[in-house]
Amino acid sequence: MTKKPEHIADLPAGLDDHALQVLMKEYDALRDLYTQAESSAQGMFNFYLSFVSTVTGAFIVLYQASRLPSSLVIPMLFFVAVVGTVYLSALIGRYAHMARYARGIAAASRL
């Protein structure tokens, strides 16, 4: 018999050892998925922050050096906006997965 963690409430009387093992595996899987989604969202945000900082820095350096044609300003800003929109939608998806996993973990811990 597996030992159940202290943070999980007493299980209903109808659950046997096999059901408890299945629930514990599901609980562990949800915790792992939550952790992976969280680290993935943080990694995506850090990459986008680095990307925007690099593009902004390049824009400022080229603008100060007067080597940036004014016709490139709008396309560069549009490119950054499009990439930002794509990354924002991906981050929203990751946070939605994290919320689903958190609800599953909360439901499993109430059993």
PDB file of N, CA and C in Angstrom:
ATOM      1  N   MET A   1       0.846  -1.187   0.000  1.00  0.00           N
ATOM      2  CA  MET A   1       0.000   0.000   0.000  1.00  0.00           C
ATOM      3  C   MET A   1       0.884   1.240   0.000  1.00  0.00           C
ATOM      4  N   THR A   2       0.526   2.198  -0.848  1.00  0.00           N
ATOM      5  CA  THR A   2       1.286   3.443  -0.880  1.00  0.00           C
ATOM      6  C   THR A   2       0.809   4.369   0.222  1.00  0.00           C
ATOM      7  N   LYS A   3       1.738   5.107   0.723  1.00  0.00           N
ATOM      8  CA  LYS A   3       1.407   6.054   1.782  1.00  0.00           C
ATOM      9  C   LYS A   3       0.919   7.349   1.146  1.00  0.00           C
ATOM     10  N   LYS A   4      -0.235   7.812   1.560  1.00  0.00           N
ATOM     11  CA  LYS A   4      -0.756   9.053   0.991  1.00  0.00           C
ATOM     12  C   LYS A   4      -0.141  10.244   1.707  1.00  0.00           C
ATOM     13  N   PRO A   5       0.095  11.326   0.953  1.00  0.00           N
ATOM     14  CA  PRO A   5       0.667  12.524   1.575  1.00  0.00           C
ATOM     15  C   PRO A   5      -0.262  13.125   2.611  1.00  0.00           C
ATOM     16  N   GLU A   6       0.321  13.888   3.506  1.00  0.00           N
ATOM     17  CA  GLU A   6      -0.457  14.481   4.587  1.00  0.00           C
ATOM     18  C   GLU A   6      -1.426  15.542   4.087  1.00  0.00           C
ATOM     19  N   HIS A   7      -1.088  16.209   2.960  1.00  0.00           N
ATOM     20  CA  HIS A   7      -1.931  17.310   2.498  1.00  0.00           C
ATOM     21  C   HIS A   7      -3.183  16.830   1.765  1.00  0.00           C
ATOM     22  N   ILE A   8      -3.297  15.545   1.539  1.00  0.00           N
ATOM     23  CA  ILE A   8      -4.507  15.025   0.914  1.00  0.00           C
ATOM     24  C   ILE A   8      -5.445  14.568   2.021  1.00  0.00           C
ATOM     25  N   ALA A   9      -6.673  15.038   1.937  1.00  0.00           N
ATOM     26  CA  ALA A   9      -7.658  14.723   2.976  1.00  0.00           C
ATOM     27  C   ALA A   9      -7.983  13.233   2.945  1.00  0.00           C
ATOM     28  N   ASP A  10      -8.672  12.781   3.973  1.00  0.00           N
ATOM     29  CA  ASP A  10      -9.079  11.376   4.031  1.00  0.00           C
ATOM     30  C   ASP A  10      -9.952  11.042   2.835  1.00  0.00           C
ATOM     31  N   LEU A  11      -9.679   9.901   2.243  1.00  0.00           N
ATOM     32  CA  LEU A  11     -10.417   9.470   1.062  1.00  0.00           C
ATOM     33  C   LEU A  11     -11.747   8.849   1.466  1.00  0.00           C
ATOM     34  N   PRO A  12     -12.727   8.893   0.568  1.00  0.00           N
ATOM     35  CA  PRO A  12     -13.992   8.236   0.858  1.00  0.00           C
ATOM     36  C   PRO A  12     -13.782   6.743   1.090  1.00  0.00           C
ATOM     37  N   ALA A  13     -14.667   6.138   1.831  1.00  0.00           N
ATOM     38  CA  ALA A  13     -14.523   4.739   2.225  1.00  0.00           C
ATOM     39  C   ALA A  13     -14.597   3.788   1.031  1.00  0.00           C
ATOM     40  N   GLY A  14     -15.200   4.185  -0.080  1.00  0.00           N
ATOM     41  CA  GLY A  14     -15.369   3.299  -1.225  1.00  0.00           C
ATOM     42  C   GLY A  14     -14.111   3.101  -2.054  1.00  0.00           C
ATOM     43  N   LEU A  15     -13.031   3.818  -1.777  1.00  0.00           N
ATOM     44  CA  LEU A  15     -11.818   3.696  -2.580  1.00  0.00           C
ATOM     45  C   LEU A  15     -10.898   2.631  -2.006  1.00  0.00           C
ATOM     46  N   ASP A  16     -10.413   1.750  -2.882  1.00  0.00           N
ATOM     47  CA  ASP A  16      -9.476   0.727  -2.439  1.00  0.00           C
ATOM     48  C   ASP A  16      -8.047   1.175  -2.748  1.00  0.00           C
ATOM     49  N   ASP A  17      -7.091   0.275  -2.515  1.00  0.00           N
ATOM     50  CA  ASP A  17      -5.684   0.627  -2.722  1.00  0.00           C
ATOM     51  C   ASP A  17      -5.384   0.955  -4.180  1.00  0.00           C
ATOM     52  N   HIS A  18      -5.987   0.214  -5.099  1.00  0.00           N
ATOM     53  CA  HIS A  18      -5.737   0.466  -6.519  1.00  0.00           C
ATOM     54  C   HIS A  18      -6.252   1.850  -6.926  1.00  0.00           C
ATOM     55  N   ALA A  19      -7.440   2.197  -6.470  1.00  0.00           N
ATOM     56  CA  ALA A  19      -7.994   3.518  -6.784  1.00  0.00           C
ATOM     57  C   ALA A  19      -7.128   4.614  -6.183  1.00  0.00           C
ATOM     58  N   LEU A  20      -6.619   4.390  -4.989  1.00  0.00           N
ATOM     59  CA  LEU A  20      -5.731   5.364  -4.356  1.00  0.00           C
ATOM     60  C   LEU A  20      -4.448   5.539  -5.163  1.00  0.00           C
ATOM     61  N   GLN A  21      -3.884   4.434  -5.659  1.00  0.00           N
ATOM     62  CA  GLN A  21      -2.676   4.514  -6.472  1.00  0.00           C
ATOM     63  C   GLN A  21      -2.932   5.279  -7.766  1.00  0.00           C
ATOM     64  N   VAL A  22      -4.077   5.042  -8.387  1.00  0.00           N
ATOM     65  CA  VAL A  22      -4.415   5.749  -9.617  1.00  0.00           C
ATOM     66  C   VAL A  22      -4.568   7.237  -9.343  1.00  0.00           C
ATOM     67  N   LEU A  23      -5.250   7.583  -8.261  1.00  0.00           N
ATOM     68  CA  LEU A  23      -5.422   8.989  -7.909  1.00  0.00           C
ATOM     69  C   LEU A  23      -4.086   9.663  -7.584  1.00  0.00           C
ATOM     70  N   MET A  24      -3.212   8.954  -6.912  1.00  0.00           N
ATOM     71  CA  MET A  24      -1.907   9.530  -6.583  1.00  0.00           C
ATOM     72  C   MET A  24      -1.062   9.744  -7.839  1.00  0.00           C
ATOM     73  N   LYS A  25      -1.136   8.799  -8.790  1.00  0.00           N
ATOM     74  CA  LYS A  25      -0.402   8.978 -10.048  1.00  0.00           C
ATOM     75  C   LYS A  25      -0.963  10.164 -10.828  1.00  0.00           C
ATOM     76  N   GLU A  26      -2.277  10.305 -10.827  1.00  0.00           N
ATOM     77  CA  GLU A  26      -2.903  11.442 -11.507  1.00  0.00           C
ATOM     78  C   GLU A  26      -2.509  12.751 -10.834  1.00  0.00           C
ATOM     79  N   TYR A  27      -2.501  12.755  -9.533  1.00  0.00           N
ATOM     80  CA  TYR A  27      -2.100  13.947  -8.777  1.00  0.00           C
ATOM     81  C   TYR A  27      -0.653  14.320  -9.094  1.00  0.00           C
ATOM     82  N   ASP A  28       0.245  13.336  -9.097  1.00  0.00           N
ATOM     83  CA  ASP A  28       1.650  13.598  -9.409  1.00  0.00           C
ATOM     84  C   ASP A  28       1.818  14.085 -10.843  1.00  0.00           C
ATOM     85  N   ALA A  29       1.061  13.490 -11.765  1.00  0.00           N
ATOM     86  CA  ALA A  29       1.139  13.914 -13.169  1.00  0.00           C
ATOM     87  C   ALA A  29       0.674  15.360 -13.324  1.00  0.00           C
ATOM     88  N   LEU A  30      -0.391  15.726 -12.647  1.00  0.00           N
ATOM     89  CA  LEU A  30      -0.880  17.103 -12.716  1.00  0.00           C
ATOM     90  C   LEU A  30       0.126  18.086 -12.129  1.00  0.00           C
ATOM     91  N   ARG A  31       0.764  17.708 -11.037  1.00  0.00           N
ATOM     92  CA  ARG A  31       1.795  18.577 -10.457  1.00  0.00           C
ATOM     93  C   ARG A  31       2.959  18.755 -11.411  1.00  0.00           C
ATOM     94  N   ASP A  32       3.388  17.666 -12.059  1.00  0.00           N
ATOM     95  CA  ASP A  32       4.488  17.761 -13.024  1.00  0.00           C
ATOM     96  C   ASP A  32       4.095  18.618 -14.224  1.00  0.00           C
ATOM     97  N   LEU A  33       2.883  18.436 -14.724  1.00  0.00           N
ATOM     98  CA  LEU A  33       2.419  19.236 -15.857  1.00  0.00           C
ATOM     99  C   LEU A  33       2.336  20.714 -15.490  1.00  0.00           C
ATOM    100  N   TYR A  34       1.886  20.999 -14.284  1.00  0.00           N
ATOM    101  CA  TYR A  34       1.810  22.387 -13.829  1.00  0.00           C
ATOM    102  C   TYR A  34       3.208  23.006 -13.787  1.00  0.00           C
ATOM    103  N   THR A  35       4.165  22.282 -13.236  1.00  0.00           N
ATOM    104  CA  THR A  35       5.535  22.780 -13.136  1.00  0.00           C
ATOM    105  C   THR A  35       6.130  23.002 -14.519  1.00  0.00           C
ATOM    106  N   GLN A  36       5.885  22.069 -15.438  1.00  0.00           N
ATOM    107  CA  GLN A  36       6.400  22.222 -16.805  1.00  0.00           C
ATOM    108  C   GLN A  36       5.769  23.416 -17.504  1.00  0.00           C
ATOM    109  N   ALA A  37       4.466  23.602 -17.350  1.00  0.00           N
ATOM    110  CA  ALA A  37       3.787  24.735 -17.979  1.00  0.00           C
ATOM    111  C   ALA A  37       4.299  26.053 -17.404  1.00  0.00           C
ATOM    112  N   GLU A  38       4.553  26.074 -16.112  1.00  0.00           N
ATOM    113  CA  GLU A  38       5.059  27.291 -15.474  1.00  0.00           C
ATOM    114  C   GLU A  38       6.459  27.635 -15.977  1.00  0.00           C
ATOM    115  N   SER A  39       7.339  26.653 -16.029  1.00  0.00           N
ATOM    116  CA  SER A  39       8.702  26.933 -16.498  1.00  0.00           C
ATOM    117  C   SER A  39       8.705  27.280 -17.987  1.00  0.00           C
ATOM    118  N   SER A  40       7.816  26.678 -18.755  1.00  0.00           N
ATOM    119  CA  SER A  40       7.714  26.996 -20.176  1.00  0.00           C
ATOM    120  C   SER A  40       7.241  28.434 -20.379  1.00  0.00           C
ATOM    121  N   ALA A  41       6.252  28.848 -19.599  1.00  0.00           N
ATOM    122  CA  ALA A  41       5.757  30.229 -19.706  1.00  0.00           C
ATOM    123  C   ALA A  41       6.842  31.222 -19.300  1.00  0.00           C
ATOM    124  N   GLN A  42       7.590  30.911 -18.264  1.00  0.00           N
ATOM    125  CA  GLN A  42       8.670  31.802 -17.848  1.00  0.00           C
ATOM    126  C   GLN A  42       9.755  31.881 -18.907  1.00  0.00           C
ATOM    127  N   GLY A  43      10.083  30.750 -19.515  1.00  0.00           N
ATOM    128  CA  GLY A  43      11.092  30.730 -20.566  1.00  0.00           C
ATOM    129  C   GLY A  43      10.656  31.536 -21.780  1.00  0.00           C
ATOM    130  N   MET A  44       9.389  31.405 -22.166  1.00  0.00           N
ATOM    131  CA  MET A  44       8.881  32.166 -23.299  1.00  0.00           C
ATOM    132  C   MET A  44       8.915  33.658 -23.011  1.00  0.00           C
ATOM    133  N   PHE A  45       8.516  34.041 -21.811  1.00  0.00           N
ATOM    134  CA  PHE A  45       8.521  35.451 -21.458  1.00  0.00           C
ATOM    135  C   PHE A  45       9.940  36.011 -21.461  1.00  0.00           C
ATOM    136  N   ASN A  46      10.883  35.254 -20.909  1.00  0.00           N
ATOM    137  CA  ASN A  46      12.272  35.712 -20.879  1.00  0.00           C
ATOM    138  C   ASN A  46      12.834  35.860 -22.293  1.00  0.00           C
ATOM    139  N   PHE A  47      12.497  34.916 -23.182  1.00  0.00           N
ATOM    140  CA  PHE A  47      12.966  35.018 -24.560  1.00  0.00           C
ATOM    141  C   PHE A  47      12.385  36.258 -25.228  1.00  0.00           C
ATOM    142  N   TYR A  48      11.095  36.490 -25.052  1.00  0.00           N
ATOM    143  CA  TYR A  48      10.479  37.657 -25.683  1.00  0.00           C
ATOM    144  C   TYR A  48      11.061  38.951 -25.121  1.00  0.00           C
ATOM    145  N   LEU A  49      11.292  38.987 -23.832  1.00  0.00           N
ATOM    146  CA  LEU A  49      11.887  40.182 -23.222  1.00  0.00           C
ATOM    147  C   LEU A  49      13.282  40.447 -23.793  1.00  0.00           C
ATOM    148  N   SER A  50      14.062  39.390 -23.956  1.00  0.00           N
ATOM    149  CA  SER A  50      15.388  39.539 -24.567  1.00  0.00           C
ATOM    150  C   SER A  50      15.275  39.995 -26.011  1.00  0.00           C
ATOM    151  N   PHE A  51      14.327  39.435 -26.734  1.00  0.00           N
ATOM    152  CA  PHE A  51      14.126  39.790 -28.136  1.00  0.00           C
ATOM    153  C   PHE A  51      13.755  41.261 -28.286  1.00  0.00           C
ATOM    154  N   VAL A  52      12.791  41.700 -27.509  1.00  0.00           N
ATOM    155  CA  VAL A  52      12.351  43.097 -27.587  1.00  0.00           C
ATOM    156  C   VAL A  52      13.483  44.036 -27.164  1.00  0.00           C
ATOM    157  N   SER A  53      14.223  43.669 -26.149  1.00  0.00           N
ATOM    158  CA  SER A  53      15.342  44.508 -25.718  1.00  0.00           C
ATOM    159  C   SER A  53      16.400  44.616 -26.815  1.00  0.00           C
ATOM    160  N   THR A  54      16.680  43.516 -27.500  1.00  0.00           N
ATOM    161  CA  THR A  54      17.667  43.536 -28.575  1.00  0.00           C
ATOM    162  C   THR A  54      17.199  44.393 -29.739  1.00  0.00           C
ATOM    163  N   VAL A  55      15.961  44.214 -30.147  1.00  0.00           N
ATOM    164  CA  VAL A  55      15.437  44.997 -31.268  1.00  0.00           C
ATOM    165  C   VAL A  55      15.386  46.481 -30.905  1.00  0.00           C
ATOM    166  N   THR A  56      14.959  46.782 -29.706  1.00  0.00           N
ATOM    167  CA  THR A  56      14.898  48.183 -29.272  1.00  0.00           C
ATOM    168  C   THR A  56      16.300  48.787 -29.197  1.00  0.00           C
ATOM    169  N   GLY A  57      17.249  48.032 -28.659  1.00  0.00           N
ATOM    170  CA  GLY A  57      18.624  48.514 -28.598  1.00  0.00           C
ATOM    171  C   GLY A  57      19.207  48.746 -29.981  1.00  0.00           C
ATOM    172  N   ALA A  58      18.960  47.819 -30.899  1.00  0.00           N
ATOM    173  CA  ALA A  58      19.447  47.993 -32.267  1.00  0.00           C
ATOM    174  C   ALA A  58      18.800  49.207 -32.923  1.00  0.00           C
ATOM    175  N   PHE A  59      17.532  49.380 -32.679  1.00  0.00           N
ATOM    176  CA  PHE A  59      16.811  50.530 -33.226  1.00  0.00           C
ATOM    177  C   PHE A  59      17.418  51.836 -32.721  1.00  0.00           C
ATOM    178  N   ILE A  60      17.680  51.908 -31.429  1.00  0.00           N
ATOM    179  CA  ILE A  60      18.241  53.133 -30.837  1.00  0.00           C
ATOM    180  C   ILE A  60      19.649  53.395 -31.355  1.00  0.00           C
ATOM    181  N   VAL A  61      20.478  52.349 -31.425  1.00  0.00           N
ATOM    182  CA  VAL A  61      21.854  52.520 -31.903  1.00  0.00           C
ATOM    183  C   VAL A  61      21.856  52.979 -33.353  1.00  0.00           C
ATOM    184  N   LEU A  62      21.067  52.333 -34.192  1.00  0.00           N
ATOM    185  CA  LEU A  62      21.026  52.721 -35.598  1.00  0.00           C
ATOM    186  C   LEU A  62      20.428  54.111 -35.783  1.00  0.00           C
ATOM    187  N   TYR A  63      19.457  54.438 -34.977  1.00  0.00           N
ATOM    188  CA  TYR A  63      18.851  55.766 -35.077  1.00  0.00           C
ATOM    189  C   TYR A  63      19.832  56.850 -34.650  1.00  0.00           C
ATOM    190  N   GLN A  64      20.580  56.585 -33.583  1.00  0.00           N
ATOM    191  CA  GLN A  64      21.568  57.560 -33.101  1.00  0.00           C
ATOM    192  C   GLN A  64      22.711  57.730 -34.106  1.00  0.00           C
ATOM    193  N   ALA A  65      23.049  56.656 -34.788  1.00  0.00           N
ATOM    194  CA  ALA A  65      24.132  56.715 -35.768  1.00  0.00           C
ATOM    195  C   ALA A  65      23.641  57.265 -37.102  1.00  0.00           C
ATOM    196  N   SER A  66      22.382  57.583 -37.192  1.00  0.00           N
ATOM    197  CA  SER A  66      21.746  58.112 -38.408  1.00  0.00           C
ATOM    198  C   SER A  66      21.909  57.178 -39.597  1.00  0.00           C
ATOM    199  N   ARG A  67      21.969  55.890 -39.320  1.00  0.00           N
ATOM    200  CA  ARG A  67      22.064  54.909 -40.397  1.00  0.00           C
ATOM    201  C   ARG A  67      20.741  54.215 -40.644  1.00  0.00           C
ATOM    202  N   LEU A  68      19.779  54.543 -39.874  1.00  0.00           N
ATOM    203  CA  LEU A  68      18.479  53.888 -40.007  1.00  0.00           C
ATOM    204  C   LEU A  68      17.586  54.748 -40.887  1.00  0.00           C
ATOM    205  N   PRO A  69      17.255  54.238 -42.054  1.00  0.00           N
ATOM    206  CA  PRO A  69      16.329  55.003 -42.894  1.00  0.00           C
ATOM    207  C   PRO A  69      14.970  55.108 -42.212  1.00  0.00           C
ATOM    208  N   SER A  70      14.363  56.237 -42.327  1.00  0.00           N
ATOM    209  CA  SER A  70      13.077  56.437 -41.659  1.00  0.00           C
ATOM    210  C   SER A  70      12.001  55.515 -42.214  1.00  0.00           C
ATOM    211  N   SER A  71      12.218  54.975 -43.405  1.00  0.00           N
ATOM    212  CA  SER A  71      11.226  54.055 -43.969  1.00  0.00           C
ATOM    213  C   SER A  71      11.250  52.695 -43.288  1.00  0.00           C
ATOM    214  N   LEU A  72      12.264  52.400 -42.472  1.00  0.00           N
ATOM    215  CA  LEU A  72      12.339  51.117 -41.768  1.00  0.00           C
ATOM    216  C   LEU A  72      11.755  51.161 -40.367  1.00  0.00           C
ATOM    217  N   VAL A  73      11.462  52.327 -39.865  1.00  0.00           N
ATOM    218  CA  VAL A  73      10.971  52.448 -38.489  1.00  0.00           C
ATOM    219  C   VAL A  73       9.625  51.754 -38.333  1.00  0.00           C
ATOM    220  N   ILE A  74       8.691  52.064 -39.189  1.00  0.00           N
ATOM    221  CA  ILE A  74       7.341  51.487 -39.082  1.00  0.00           C
ATOM    222  C   ILE A  74       7.376  49.973 -39.288  1.00  0.00           C
ATOM    223  N   PRO A  75       8.064  49.426 -40.311  1.00  0.00           N
ATOM    224  CA  PRO A  75       8.109  47.957 -40.439  1.00  0.00           C
ATOM    225  C   PRO A  75       8.756  47.266 -39.236  1.00  0.00           C
ATOM    226  N   MET A  76       9.800  47.874 -38.653  1.00  0.00           N
ATOM    227  CA  MET A  76      10.421  47.262 -37.470  1.00  0.00           C
ATOM    228  C   MET A  76       9.457  47.234 -36.291  1.00  0.00           C
ATOM    229  N   LEU A  77       8.765  48.334 -36.064  1.00  0.00           N
ATOM    230  CA  LEU A  77       7.797  48.368 -34.965  1.00  0.00           C
ATOM    231  C   LEU A  77       6.639  47.413 -35.222  1.00  0.00           C
ATOM    232  N   PHE A  78       6.210  47.309 -36.466  1.00  0.00           N
ATOM    233  CA  PHE A  78       5.141  46.372 -36.817  1.00  0.00           C
ATOM    234  C   PHE A  78       5.591  44.931 -36.583  1.00  0.00           C
ATOM    235  N   PHE A  79       6.827  44.621 -36.959  1.00  0.00           N
ATOM    236  CA  PHE A  79       7.373  43.282 -36.740  1.00  0.00           C
ATOM    237  C   PHE A  79       7.407  42.937 -35.257  1.00  0.00           C
ATOM    238  N   VAL A  80       7.876  43.856 -34.441  1.00  0.00           N
ATOM    239  CA  VAL A  80       7.914  43.620 -32.992  1.00  0.00           C
ATOM    240  C   VAL A  80       6.498  43.437 -32.447  1.00  0.00           C
ATOM    241  N   ALA A  81       5.537  44.207 -32.951  1.00  0.00           N
ATOM    242  CA  ALA A  81       4.154  44.079 -32.486  1.00  0.00           C
ATOM    243  C   ALA A  81       3.561  42.726 -32.874  1.00  0.00           C
ATOM    244  N   VAL A  82       3.842  42.255 -34.073  1.00  0.00           N
ATOM    245  CA  VAL A  82       3.320  40.952 -34.515  1.00  0.00           C
ATOM    246  C   VAL A  82       3.935  39.828 -33.696  1.00  0.00           C
ATOM    247  N   VAL A  83       5.253  39.870 -33.524  1.00  0.00           N
ATOM    248  CA  VAL A  83       5.912  38.842 -32.718  1.00  0.00           C
ATOM    249  C   VAL A  83       5.394  38.891 -31.281  1.00  0.00           C
ATOM    250  N   GLY A  84       5.198  40.080 -30.740  1.00  0.00           N
ATOM    251  CA  GLY A  84       4.661  40.211 -29.384  1.00  0.00           C
ATOM    252  C   GLY A  84       3.267  39.642 -29.257  1.00  0.00           C
ATOM    253  N   THR A  85       2.447  39.845 -30.275  1.00  0.00           N
ATOM    254  CA  THR A  85       1.095  39.292 -30.253  1.00  0.00           C
ATOM    255  C   THR A  85       1.119  37.771 -30.255  1.00  0.00           C
ATOM    256  N   VAL A  86       1.989  37.197 -31.074  1.00  0.00           N
ATOM    257  CA  VAL A  86       2.110  35.727 -31.121  1.00  0.00           C
ATOM    258  C   VAL A  86       2.579  35.193 -29.778  1.00  0.00           C
ATOM    259  N   TYR A  87       3.584  35.831 -29.204  1.00  0.00           N
ATOM    260  CA  TYR A  87       4.082  35.371 -27.907  1.00  0.00           C
ATOM    261  C   TYR A  87       3.057  35.578 -26.800  1.00  0.00           C
ATOM    262  N   LEU A  88       2.325  36.659 -26.847  1.00  0.00           N
ATOM    263  CA  LEU A  88       1.297  36.886 -25.833  1.00  0.00           C
ATOM    264  C   LEU A  88       0.213  35.812 -25.907  1.00  0.00           C
ATOM    265  N   SER A  89      -0.201  35.442 -27.110  1.00  0.00           N
ATOM    266  CA  SER A  89      -1.218  34.389 -27.230  1.00  0.00           C
ATOM    267  C   SER A  89      -0.671  33.050 -26.750  1.00  0.00           C
ATOM    268  N   ALA A  90       0.612  32.774 -27.016  1.00  0.00           N
ATOM    269  CA  ALA A  90       1.211  31.537 -26.515  1.00  0.00           C
ATOM    270  C   ALA A  90       1.301  31.548 -24.992  1.00  0.00           C
ATOM    271  N   LEU A  91       1.643  32.693 -24.407  1.00  0.00           N
ATOM    272  CA  LEU A  91       1.684  32.792 -22.941  1.00  0.00           C
ATOM    273  C   LEU A  91       0.308  32.606 -22.329  1.00  0.00           C
ATOM    274  N   ILE A  92      -0.694  33.166 -22.975  1.00  0.00           N
ATOM    275  CA  ILE A  92      -2.059  33.003 -22.469  1.00  0.00           C
ATOM    276  C   ILE A  92      -2.455  31.535 -22.482  1.00  0.00           C
ATOM    277  N   GLY A  93      -2.073  30.831 -23.533  1.00  0.00           N
ATOM    278  CA  GLY A  93      -2.342  29.393 -23.592  1.00  0.00           C
ATOM    279  C   GLY A  93      -1.652  28.631 -22.484  1.00  0.00           C
ATOM    280  N   ARG A  94      -0.395  28.979 -22.202  1.00  0.00           N
ATOM    281  CA  ARG A  94       0.344  28.310 -21.127  1.00  0.00           C
ATOM    282  C   ARG A  94      -0.313  28.583 -19.773  1.00  0.00           C
ATOM    283  N   TYR A  95      -0.714  29.834 -19.539  1.00  0.00           N
ATOM    284  CA  TYR A  95      -1.364  30.153 -18.271  1.00  0.00           C
ATOM    285  C   TYR A  95      -2.735  29.491 -18.154  1.00  0.00           C
ATOM    286  N   ALA A  96      -3.424  29.302 -19.270  1.00  0.00           N
ATOM    287  CA  ALA A  96      -4.698  28.577 -19.231  1.00  0.00           C
ATOM    288  C   ALA A  96      -4.461  27.121 -18.843  1.00  0.00           C
ATOM    289  N   HIS A  97      -3.406  26.503 -19.394  1.00  0.00           N
ATOM    290  CA  HIS A  97      -3.071  25.132 -18.996  1.00  0.00           C
ATOM    291  C   HIS A  97      -2.713  25.075 -17.518  1.00  0.00           C
ATOM    292  N   MET A  98      -1.951  26.061 -17.054  1.00  0.00           N
ATOM    293  CA  MET A  98      -1.588  26.077 -15.635  1.00  0.00           C
ATOM    294  C   MET A  98      -2.827  26.172 -14.758  1.00  0.00           C
ATOM    295  N   ALA A  99      -3.807  26.969 -15.171  1.00  0.00           N
ATOM    296  CA  ALA A  99      -5.040  27.094 -14.383  1.00  0.00           C
ATOM    297  C   ALA A  99      -5.799  25.772 -14.364  1.00  0.00           C
ATOM    298  N   ARG A 100      -5.857  25.088 -15.506  1.00  0.00           N
ATOM    299  CA  ARG A 100      -6.539  23.782 -15.541  1.00  0.00           C
ATOM    300  C   ARG A 100      -5.838  22.778 -14.647  1.00  0.00           C
ATOM    301  N   TYR A 101      -4.505  22.742 -14.720  1.00  0.00           N
ATOM    302  CA  TYR A 101      -3.760  21.811 -13.880  1.00  0.00           C
ATOM    303  C   TYR A 101      -3.942  22.151 -12.405  1.00  0.00           C
ATOM    304  N   ALA A 102      -3.955  23.427 -12.080  1.00  0.00           N
ATOM    305  CA  ALA A 102      -4.143  23.832 -10.681  1.00  0.00           C
ATOM    306  C   ALA A 102      -5.526  23.412 -10.182  1.00  0.00           C
ATOM    307  N   ARG A 103      -6.554  23.552 -11.027  1.00  0.00           N
ATOM    308  CA  ARG A 103      -7.892  23.085 -10.619  1.00  0.00           C
ATOM    309  C   ARG A 103      -7.902  21.581 -10.411  1.00  0.00           C
ATOM    310  N   GLY A 104      -7.200  20.844 -11.272  1.00  0.00           N
ATOM    311  CA  GLY A 104      -7.117  19.391 -11.101  1.00  0.00           C
ATOM    312  C   GLY A 104      -6.390  19.006  -9.826  1.00  0.00           C
ATOM    313  N   ILE A 105      -5.326  19.729  -9.523  1.00  0.00           N
ATOM    314  CA  ILE A 105      -4.576  19.455  -8.289  1.00  0.00           C
ATOM    315  C   ILE A 105      -5.455  19.770  -7.081  1.00  0.00           C
ATOM    316  N   ALA A 106      -6.182  20.881  -7.133  1.00  0.00           N
ATOM    317  CA  ALA A 106      -7.060  21.232  -6.007  1.00  0.00           C
ATOM    318  C   ALA A 106      -8.168  20.203  -5.843  1.00  0.00           C
ATOM    319  N   ALA A 107      -8.725  19.728  -6.961  1.00  0.00           N
ATOM    320  CA  ALA A 107      -9.777  18.713  -6.871  1.00  0.00           C
ATOM    321  C   ALA A 107      -9.236  17.396  -6.315  1.00  0.00           C
ATOM    322  N   ALA A 108      -8.024  17.043  -6.730  1.00  0.00           N
ATOM    323  CA  ALA A 108      -7.439  15.802  -6.238  1.00  0.00           C
ATOM    324  C   ALA A 108      -7.080  15.902  -4.762  1.00  0.00           C
ATOM    325  N   SER A 109      -6.689  17.075  -4.320  1.00  0.00           N
ATOM    326  CA  SER A 109      -6.311  17.208  -2.914  1.00  0.00           C
ATOM    327  C   SER A 109      -7.538  17.259  -1.999  1.00  0.00           C
ATOM    328  N   ARG A 110      -8.723  17.515  -2.571  1.00  0.00           N
ATOM    329  CA  ARG A 110      -9.937  17.531  -1.746  1.00  0.00           C
ATOM    330  C   ARG A 110     -10.526  16.143  -1.543  1.00  0.00           C
ATOM    331  N   LEU A 111     -10.025  15.171  -2.314  1.00  0.00           N
ATOM    332  CA  LEU A 111     -10.583  13.811  -2.175  1.00  0.00           C
ATOM    333  C   LEU A 111     -10.288  13.201  -0.846  1.00  0.00           C
TER     334      LEU A 111
END
